[in-house]
Amino acid sequence: MGCCPSCQEWDSFIEEQSMPSVTAKTPKGMVPGSGKKLALKSLNDVSITHQPRLLAGIHEWDNVIGGGIMPGSLLVLTGDPGIGKSTLLLHVAYKLSEKYKVFYFSSEESLEQVKQRASRINSINDKLLFSDQAQIESIIETGQMEKPDIIIIDSIQNCFFSASHTFPGTVGQLRETSFALMRLAKEHNIAVIITCHITKEGQMAGPKTLEHMVDGVFYLQGEDRWHTRILRSVKNRFGAIHELGFFAMTHEGMEEVPHINQYMLDETAHAPGSVLTSSLEGSRPLLLEIQALIVPTKFNVPQRVVTGLDHKRVVLIAAILEKYLHIKFSAHDIFVKVSGGIKINESSADLAIALALLSSYFQDALPEKAMALGELSLTGSIKPINGIEPQLKEAQKFGIKTLFVAESQKLSDRHVVKLKNVYQLLGLFGTKQVAST
């Protein structure tokens, strides 16, 4: 059957051999005599061997991976087509090959094409070895015999088992090839990094079991405005998730951007509707600008256009301000965005959103380099946030002059403005009033 009648996917059916017949006393699916008694151990009898991480010397990469690649791990790098996955991996492989034995299998490009890219980004040496073969049996046999420290496969969708009758990239092939590579990594202590395609919805392509099977999943995302690439950790068994690494796409390949906050602050504008906030991504505080635009609506239903924030959260904060401050946001179109292409999922940005809305509504800018950190409750009170110390330290490093926080936030800095509820927000905009209030 070529097309699945349920999900309408083509070539998704795989052949499975039927099990030998079993007796009535044997549980279904179990073959008599096929198993053996296992020796169980207490954890006190298990010895732990310290394994040093495999460091590439690229701080943004090593930090997101979890302090270096863990030997024997299976990692997946995915992202949109043309985002720079192969370029980043080639640069990382070049750095790793200076200290470790690295094999690079390019299943999508010929060796001539790989050399052209490597020449452009100055990543050629005699230690990094390449192959354009895509047969999994040959890759595994080479790994077992040569015992490299790291194997890189670009990409898993083009690899195949010669004994399988399905096409490369199908669900069956992905499941079999990924399981075989996982056993290679665990049994021979070889770190395996594979690239994976992405679906139209922006998720990693392939069966969900692939995501559960691997040790780490990392997304490479793009921000065209700065030609910046964001490496995001989604799953990592050997490190923290939600870590971010920043790279700049140049004519010489990927260059890490260690001071991303400076880039973001250079793009901010001291204008009505602009407020700075901080978002803690993994262990890194990011200084972000929230921009708001409030205009009277010309439609029966006002528009709510939100980028980089939860749409419902912005609508909720506008409703809180309308309830307690009697500002008719319901008669205005609301446009809110986070500059830099970063998405904020934390409630610590509530106060910054509220201040940005009010600043645009009154057309009155807040003090220059002012940052807001606080959570809004449905009763109109402003609540403190947890873990504000690293964010405050980062803000001081870049010269943030004014910090708006909750009244109960334990801070003694003289530049801190403490607010108890949303009523006090009006005092930040002088005596300006609008006819619709």
Protein backbone atom coordinates (compact mmCIF):
# COMPACT_ATOMS: atom_id res chain seq x y z
CA MET A 1 0.00 0.00 0.00
CA GLY A 2 1.64 3.25 -1.10
CA CYS A 3 -0.50 5.85 0.72
CA CYS A 4 -1.66 5.51 4.33
CA PRO A 5 -5.49 5.86 4.43
CA SER A 6 -5.29 7.46 7.89
CA CYS A 7 -2.59 10.18 7.71
CA GLN A 8 -2.30 10.37 3.89
CA GLU A 9 1.50 9.97 4.08
CA TRP A 10 3.22 8.16 1.21
CA ASP A 11 5.69 5.27 1.66
CA SER A 12 5.14 5.20 5.42
CA PHE A 13 4.30 1.47 5.64
CA ILE A 14 7.17 -0.82 6.61
CA GLU A 15 7.43 -4.57 6.37
CA GLU A 16 7.62 -6.53 9.62
CA GLN A 17 8.40 -10.22 9.78
CA SER A 18 5.84 -12.35 11.59
CA MET A 19 6.96 -14.04 14.80
CA PRO A 20 7.20 -17.86 15.00
CA SER A 21 4.18 -19.67 16.35
CA VAL A 22 3.98 -19.93 20.12
CA THR A 23 2.28 -22.36 22.44
CA ALA A 24 -0.84 -21.56 24.37
CA LYS A 25 1.13 -21.30 27.64
CA THR A 26 3.61 -18.74 26.25
CA PRO A 27 2.71 -15.04 26.43
CA LYS A 28 1.95 -13.47 23.08
CA GLY A 29 5.05 -12.21 21.28
CA MET A 30 7.52 -14.29 23.33
CA VAL A 31 9.48 -17.09 21.68
CA PRO A 32 10.27 -19.99 24.07
CA GLY A 33 13.99 -20.26 24.88
CA SER A 34 14.92 -17.01 23.15
CA GLY A 35 15.80 -15.14 26.36
CA LYS A 36 18.17 -15.69 29.25
CA LYS A 37 18.23 -14.83 32.91
CA LEU A 38 19.73 -11.40 33.53
CA ALA A 39 22.20 -10.53 36.29
CA LEU A 40 20.92 -7.58 38.31
CA LYS A 41 23.16 -5.15 40.22
CA SER A 42 22.77 -2.68 43.01
CA LEU A 43 23.74 0.90 42.18
CA ASN A 44 26.31 0.69 44.97
CA ASP A 45 28.16 -1.94 42.91
CA VAL A 46 28.21 0.22 39.77
CA SER A 47 31.42 2.20 39.22
CA ILE A 48 31.37 5.57 37.48
CA THR A 49 34.14 6.49 35.05
CA HIS A 50 34.74 10.20 34.56
CA GLN A 51 34.65 11.07 30.87
CA PRO A 52 35.98 14.49 29.85
CA ARG A 53 33.81 16.46 27.46
CA LEU A 54 34.89 16.93 23.85
CA LEU A 55 35.43 20.67 23.53
CA ALA A 56 35.48 22.40 20.14
CA GLY A 57 36.86 25.67 21.49
CA ILE A 58 33.79 27.55 20.15
CA HIS A 59 32.24 29.01 23.30
CA GLU A 60 28.72 29.48 21.90
CA TRP A 61 28.63 25.85 20.67
CA ASP A 62 30.22 24.29 23.76
CA ASN A 63 27.90 26.21 26.09
CA VAL A 64 24.69 25.14 24.33
CA ILE A 65 25.82 21.50 24.04
CA GLY A 66 26.28 21.45 27.82
CA GLY A 67 29.96 22.22 28.32
CA GLY A 68 31.21 20.07 25.44
CA ILE A 69 30.09 16.89 23.69
CA MET A 70 29.62 13.89 25.96
CA PRO A 71 31.44 10.80 24.59
CA GLY A 72 28.99 8.10 23.49
CA SER A 73 26.09 10.52 22.98
CA LEU A 74 23.77 10.80 19.97
CA LEU A 75 22.92 14.41 19.10
CA VAL A 76 20.61 15.89 16.46
CA LEU A 77 20.98 19.31 14.81
CA THR A 78 17.94 20.48 12.86
CA GLY A 79 16.69 23.68 11.25
CA ASP A 80 15.23 25.26 8.11
CA PRO A 81 16.81 24.52 4.71
CA GLY A 82 19.76 26.81 4.03
CA ILE A 83 19.95 28.07 7.62
CA GLY A 84 23.58 26.95 7.93
CA LYS A 85 23.51 23.52 9.60
CA SER A 86 26.20 22.07 7.34
CA THR A 87 28.35 25.19 7.60
CA LEU A 88 28.18 25.19 11.39
CA LEU A 89 28.94 21.45 11.65
CA LEU A 90 31.84 21.74 9.22
CA HIS A 91 33.31 24.56 11.29
CA VAL A 92 32.80 22.58 14.52
CA ALA A 93 34.28 19.42 12.97
CA TYR A 94 37.35 21.38 11.85
CA LYS A 95 37.92 22.68 15.39
CA LEU A 96 37.32 19.28 16.98
CA SER A 97 39.70 17.51 14.57
CA GLU A 98 42.61 19.50 16.01
CA LYS A 99 42.34 17.43 19.22
CA TYR A 100 40.16 14.43 18.37
CA LYS A 101 39.63 11.85 15.63
CA VAL A 102 36.63 13.03 13.58
CA PHE A 103 34.87 11.37 10.62
CA TYR A 104 32.47 13.46 8.52
CA PHE A 105 29.93 11.60 6.31
CA SER A 106 28.21 13.88 3.79
CA SER A 107 25.21 12.02 2.39
CA GLU A 108 23.70 15.06 0.65
CA GLU A 109 26.74 16.59 -1.06
CA SER A 110 29.69 15.25 -2.98
CA LEU A 111 33.20 15.66 -1.65
CA GLU A 112 33.86 18.35 -4.25
CA GLN A 113 30.93 20.39 -2.95
CA VAL A 114 32.06 19.89 0.64
CA LYS A 115 35.57 21.06 -0.26
CA GLN A 116 34.21 24.22 -1.86
CA ARG A 117 32.39 25.11 1.35
CA ALA A 118 35.38 24.16 3.52
CA SER A 119 37.67 26.35 1.39
CA ARG A 120 35.32 29.29 1.73
CA ILE A 121 35.25 29.08 5.54
CA ASN A 122 38.94 28.10 5.90
CA SER A 123 38.20 24.71 7.48
CA ILE A 124 40.57 22.33 5.71
CA ASN A 125 43.27 20.23 7.36
CA ASP A 126 44.69 16.73 6.99
CA LYS A 127 43.18 15.43 10.25
CA LEU A 128 39.48 15.78 9.37
CA LEU A 129 38.42 12.82 7.17
CA PHE A 130 35.39 12.79 4.84
CA SER A 131 33.20 10.36 2.94
CA ASP A 132 30.11 10.85 0.78
CA GLN A 133 28.74 7.35 1.37
CA ALA A 134 25.22 7.03 2.82
CA GLN A 135 24.94 3.29 3.53
CA ILE A 136 24.49 2.82 7.28
CA GLU A 137 26.10 -0.64 7.33
CA SER A 138 29.32 0.81 5.88
CA ILE A 139 29.29 3.79 8.26
CA ILE A 140 28.83 1.54 11.30
CA GLU A 141 31.51 -0.92 10.15
CA THR A 142 33.95 1.95 9.61
CA GLY A 143 33.19 3.33 13.06
CA GLN A 144 33.65 -0.04 14.76
CA MET A 145 37.00 -0.67 13.06
CA GLU A 146 38.54 2.82 13.15
CA LYS A 147 37.20 3.86 16.60
CA PRO A 148 36.89 7.64 15.99
CA ASP A 149 35.96 10.01 18.80
CA ILE A 150 33.22 11.71 16.80
CA ILE A 151 31.13 10.76 13.76
CA ILE A 152 29.14 13.48 11.95
CA ILE A 153 26.42 12.50 9.47
CA ASP A 154 24.83 15.16 7.25
CA SER A 155 22.01 14.23 6.94
CA ILE A 156 20.16 11.23 8.40
CA GLN A 157 17.33 11.57 5.84
CA ASN A 158 19.67 10.45 3.03
CA CYS A 159 21.10 7.42 4.87
CA PHE A 160 19.67 3.95 4.29
CA PHE A 161 19.96 0.25 5.04
CA SER A 162 20.74 -1.71 1.90
CA ALA A 163 18.53 -4.60 3.03
CA SER A 164 15.47 -2.37 3.42
CA HIS A 165 13.07 -1.93 0.52
CA THR A 166 11.83 1.51 1.62
CA PHE A 167 13.17 4.84 0.43
CA PRO A 168 15.65 6.90 2.49
CA GLY A 169 13.90 9.41 4.73
CA THR A 170 10.80 7.32 5.33
CA VAL A 171 9.59 6.59 8.85
CA GLY A 172 10.88 3.02 8.77
CA GLN A 173 14.34 3.98 7.51
CA LEU A 174 14.70 6.80 10.04
CA ARG A 175 13.73 4.54 12.91
CA GLU A 176 16.14 1.76 11.88
CA THR A 177 19.11 4.00 11.05
CA SER A 178 18.74 6.05 14.24
CA PHE A 179 18.55 2.94 16.41
CA ALA A 180 21.65 1.50 14.75
CA LEU A 181 23.58 4.74 15.29
CA MET A 182 22.44 4.88 18.91
CA ARG A 183 23.82 1.37 19.53
CA LEU A 184 27.08 2.36 17.81
CA ALA A 185 27.41 5.40 20.09
CA LYS A 186 26.63 3.55 23.34
CA GLU A 187 28.51 0.30 22.71
CA HIS A 188 31.69 1.86 21.28
CA ASN A 189 31.70 5.19 23.17
CA ILE A 190 31.61 7.22 19.95
CA ALA A 191 29.85 10.59 19.90
CA VAL A 192 27.51 10.76 16.89
CA ILE A 193 26.09 14.03 15.55
CA ILE A 194 23.43 13.90 12.84
CA THR A 195 21.52 16.61 11.00
CA CYS A 196 17.80 16.21 10.44
CA HIS A 197 15.30 17.92 8.16
CA ILE A 198 12.42 20.02 9.44
CA THR A 199 8.68 19.91 8.67
CA LYS A 200 6.45 22.72 7.42
CA GLU A 201 5.31 23.29 11.00
CA GLY A 202 8.91 23.90 12.11
CA GLN A 203 9.28 20.60 13.98
CA MET A 204 11.99 17.98 13.53
CA ALA A 205 11.02 15.63 10.71
CA GLY A 206 10.60 11.92 11.35
CA PRO A 207 8.84 9.79 13.94
CA LYS A 208 8.52 11.08 17.49
CA THR A 209 10.48 8.04 18.67
CA LEU A 210 13.56 9.58 17.02
CA GLU A 211 13.32 12.60 19.33
CA HIS A 212 12.93 10.32 22.37
CA MET A 213 15.79 8.07 21.29
CA VAL A 214 18.55 10.67 20.94
CA ASP A 215 20.41 12.36 23.81
CA GLY A 216 20.11 15.92 22.53
CA VAL A 217 18.05 17.95 20.06
CA PHE A 218 19.30 21.37 18.93
CA TYR A 219 17.52 23.81 16.62
CA LEU A 220 19.36 26.32 14.44
CA GLN A 221 17.13 29.31 13.79
CA GLY A 222 17.66 32.49 11.83
CA GLU A 223 17.15 36.22 12.29
CA ASP A 224 17.65 37.88 8.91
CA ARG A 225 17.92 41.39 10.26
CA TRP A 226 21.35 40.81 11.76
CA HIS A 227 22.22 37.72 9.70
CA THR A 228 22.25 36.09 13.13
CA ARG A 229 21.77 32.37 13.74
CA ILE A 230 20.42 31.17 17.09
CA LEU A 231 21.38 27.69 18.29
CA ARG A 232 18.71 26.56 20.76
CA SER A 233 18.84 23.52 23.05
CA VAL A 234 15.45 21.76 23.20
CA LYS A 235 16.52 18.45 24.72
CA ASN A 236 19.83 17.65 26.39
CA ARG A 237 20.41 14.71 28.71
CA PHE A 238 23.87 16.01 29.60
CA GLY A 239 23.19 19.72 30.02
CA ALA A 240 20.60 22.42 30.54
CA ILE A 241 17.81 22.96 28.04
CA HIS A 242 16.73 26.32 26.60
CA GLU A 243 20.37 27.41 26.33
CA LEU A 244 21.03 29.79 23.44
CA GLY A 245 24.10 30.32 21.32
CA PHE A 246 24.46 33.14 18.78
CA PHE A 247 26.36 33.04 15.50
CA ALA A 248 26.74 35.52 12.66
CA MET A 249 26.56 34.22 9.10
CA THR A 250 29.41 35.83 7.15
CA HIS A 251 31.17 35.11 3.86
CA GLU A 252 33.75 33.17 5.91
CA GLY A 253 31.14 30.95 7.57
CA MET A 254 29.72 30.99 11.07
CA GLU A 255 31.29 33.37 13.56
CA GLU A 256 30.20 33.27 17.18
CA VAL A 257 28.65 36.39 18.71
CA PRO A 258 29.57 36.34 22.41
CA HIS A 259 28.20 39.82 23.23
CA ILE A 260 24.69 39.54 21.80
CA ASN A 261 23.23 41.96 24.38
CA GLN A 262 25.43 44.75 23.05
CA TYR A 263 24.07 44.12 19.54
CA MET A 264 20.50 44.26 20.82
CA LEU A 265 20.98 47.43 22.87
CA ASP A 266 22.60 49.20 19.91
CA GLU A 267 19.36 48.66 17.98
CA THR A 268 17.03 50.07 20.65
CA ALA A 269 15.43 53.50 20.30
CA HIS A 270 14.43 55.91 23.07
CA ALA A 271 10.85 56.49 21.94
CA PRO A 272 7.26 56.10 23.18
CA GLY A 273 6.22 52.45 23.31
CA SER A 274 9.75 51.09 23.84
CA VAL A 275 10.71 49.33 27.09
CA LEU A 276 13.61 47.02 27.93
CA THR A 277 13.19 43.76 29.79
CA SER A 278 15.31 40.70 30.52
CA SER A 279 14.63 37.06 29.73
CA LEU A 280 16.64 34.25 31.29
CA GLU A 281 17.38 31.70 28.55
CA GLY A 282 19.08 28.75 30.21
CA SER A 283 21.89 30.38 32.18
CA ARG A 284 22.14 33.50 30.00
CA PRO A 285 20.18 36.73 30.67
CA LEU A 286 19.13 38.44 27.43
CA LEU A 287 18.31 42.15 27.35
CA LEU A 288 15.38 42.56 24.99
CA GLU A 289 13.31 45.48 23.74
CA ILE A 290 9.51 45.28 23.80
CA GLN A 291 7.83 47.64 21.34
CA ALA A 292 4.15 48.57 21.42
CA LEU A 293 1.97 50.63 19.10
CA ILE A 294 -1.53 51.74 20.11
CA VAL A 295 -3.81 53.40 17.50
CA PRO A 296 -7.59 53.95 17.40
CA THR A 297 -9.25 51.10 15.54
CA LYS A 298 -11.04 51.50 12.24
CA PHE A 299 -12.65 48.06 12.40
CA ASN A 300 -15.57 46.59 14.29
CA VAL A 301 -13.19 44.15 15.97
CA PRO A 302 -9.86 45.72 17.08
CA GLN A 303 -6.68 44.08 15.82
CA ARG A 304 -4.25 42.31 18.15
CA VAL A 305 -0.95 41.61 16.36
CA VAL A 306 1.75 40.10 18.60
CA THR A 307 5.23 38.86 17.66
CA GLY A 308 7.63 37.16 20.09
CA LEU A 309 5.11 36.97 22.96
CA ASP A 310 2.12 34.88 23.87
CA HIS A 311 -0.87 36.53 22.16
CA LYS A 312 -3.19 35.74 25.07
CA ARG A 313 -0.80 37.24 27.62
CA VAL A 314 -0.77 40.60 25.83
CA VAL A 315 -4.57 40.59 25.58
CA LEU A 316 -4.79 39.75 29.29
CA ILE A 317 -2.46 42.60 30.32
CA ALA A 318 -4.45 45.06 28.15
CA ALA A 319 -7.63 43.88 29.89
CA ILE A 320 -6.06 44.42 33.34
CA LEU A 321 -5.05 47.98 32.43
CA GLU A 322 -8.48 48.74 31.01
CA LYS A 323 -10.21 47.36 34.11
CA TYR A 324 -8.24 49.31 36.73
CA LEU A 325 -7.01 52.38 34.82
CA HIS A 326 -10.16 52.86 32.68
CA ILE A 327 -8.17 53.14 29.47
CA LYS A 328 -10.25 51.89 26.56
CA PHE A 329 -7.78 49.54 24.90
CA SER A 330 -10.84 47.71 23.54
CA ALA A 331 -11.32 50.62 21.14
CA HIS A 332 -7.71 50.54 19.90
CA ASP A 333 -5.59 48.32 17.70
CA ILE A 334 -2.67 46.84 19.62
CA PHE A 335 0.62 45.88 17.98
CA VAL A 336 3.36 44.38 20.18
CA LYS A 337 6.67 42.78 19.21
CA VAL A 338 9.97 41.69 20.73
CA SER A 339 12.95 42.96 18.75
CA GLY A 340 15.70 40.58 17.77
CA GLY A 341 13.52 37.62 16.82
CA ILE A 342 13.59 36.17 20.36
CA LYS A 343 10.47 34.70 21.92
CA ILE A 344 9.66 35.44 25.57
CA ASN A 345 7.70 32.81 27.52
CA GLU A 346 8.27 34.19 31.02
CA SER A 347 5.76 36.11 33.14
CA SER A 348 8.60 38.43 34.25
CA ALA A 349 7.94 40.50 31.11
CA ASP A 350 4.38 41.44 32.22
CA LEU A 351 5.42 44.78 33.70
CA ALA A 352 7.43 45.70 30.60
CA ILE A 353 4.46 44.91 28.35
CA ALA A 354 2.16 47.06 30.48
CA LEU A 355 4.61 49.98 30.45
CA ALA A 356 5.09 49.68 26.68
CA LEU A 357 1.31 49.79 26.13
CA LEU A 358 0.88 52.83 28.36
CA SER A 359 3.91 54.59 26.89
CA SER A 360 2.54 54.24 23.36
CA TYR A 361 -0.97 55.19 24.46
CA PHE A 362 0.16 58.42 26.16
CA GLN A 363 2.93 59.03 23.56
CA ASP A 364 5.32 59.58 26.44
CA ALA A 365 8.68 57.81 26.50
CA LEU A 366 10.08 56.28 29.65
CA PRO A 367 13.56 57.32 30.88
CA GLU A 368 16.36 56.27 28.57
CA LYS A 369 17.76 52.77 29.22
CA ALA A 370 14.91 51.85 31.56
CA MET A 371 14.20 48.16 32.18
CA ALA A 372 11.14 46.54 33.78
CA LEU A 373 10.93 43.18 35.54
CA GLY A 374 7.73 42.11 37.25
CA GLU A 375 4.61 39.97 37.02
CA LEU A 376 1.06 41.37 36.89
CA SER A 377 -1.75 39.68 38.80
CA LEU A 378 -5.41 39.77 37.82
CA THR A 379 -6.06 42.06 40.78
CA GLY A 380 -3.74 44.72 39.39
CA SER A 381 -0.89 44.18 41.84
CA ILE A 382 2.74 43.80 40.73
CA LYS A 383 4.54 40.69 41.99
CA PRO A 384 8.29 40.07 42.32
CA ILE A 385 10.15 37.56 40.17
CA ASN A 386 12.59 34.83 41.09
CA GLY A 387 16.23 34.74 40.02
CA ILE A 388 16.57 38.45 39.38
CA GLU A 389 20.23 38.60 40.48
CA PRO A 390 21.88 37.46 37.19
CA GLN A 391 19.53 39.68 35.19
CA LEU A 392 20.32 42.68 37.38
CA LYS A 393 24.06 41.98 37.07
CA GLU A 394 23.79 41.86 33.27
CA ALA A 395 21.76 45.08 33.23
CA GLN A 396 24.37 46.91 35.30
CA LYS A 397 27.10 45.69 32.96
CA PHE A 398 25.44 47.47 30.02
CA GLY A 399 24.59 50.69 31.82
CA ILE A 400 20.87 50.29 32.53
CA LYS A 401 20.00 53.47 34.44
CA THR A 402 16.50 52.76 35.78
CA LEU A 403 14.93 49.46 36.87
CA PHE A 404 11.17 49.10 37.50
CA VAL A 405 10.35 46.20 39.84
CA ALA A 406 7.69 45.10 42.34
CA GLU A 407 7.58 46.84 45.71
CA SER A 408 8.28 43.55 47.51
CA GLN A 409 11.33 42.77 45.35
CA LYS A 410 14.36 42.67 47.65
CA LEU A 411 16.74 45.13 45.98
CA SER A 412 18.63 48.03 47.50
CA ASP A 413 20.00 49.71 44.38
CA ARG A 414 19.32 53.45 44.33
CA HIS A 415 18.28 53.35 40.67
CA VAL A 416 15.42 50.92 41.39
CA VAL A 417 11.83 52.21 41.14
CA LYS A 418 9.47 50.01 43.15
CA LEU A 419 5.82 49.73 42.16
CA LYS A 420 3.00 48.18 44.15
CA ASN A 421 0.13 48.10 41.64
CA VAL A 422 -0.91 49.29 38.19
CA TYR A 423 -2.34 52.55 39.58
CA GLN A 424 1.21 53.74 40.20
CA LEU A 425 2.08 53.23 36.53
CA LEU A 426 0.12 56.35 35.58
CA GLY A 427 2.46 58.47 37.69
CA LEU A 428 5.36 57.52 35.44
CA PHE A 429 3.80 59.44 32.55
CA GLY A 430 3.37 62.81 34.23
CA THR A 431 -0.04 64.50 34.08
CA LYS A 432 -0.84 63.56 30.50
CA GLN A 433 -4.39 62.39 30.00
CA VAL A 434 -6.27 61.15 26.98
CA ALA A 435 -9.90 61.93 26.27
CA SER A 436 -10.89 58.27 26.17
CA THR A 437 -9.68 57.54 29.75
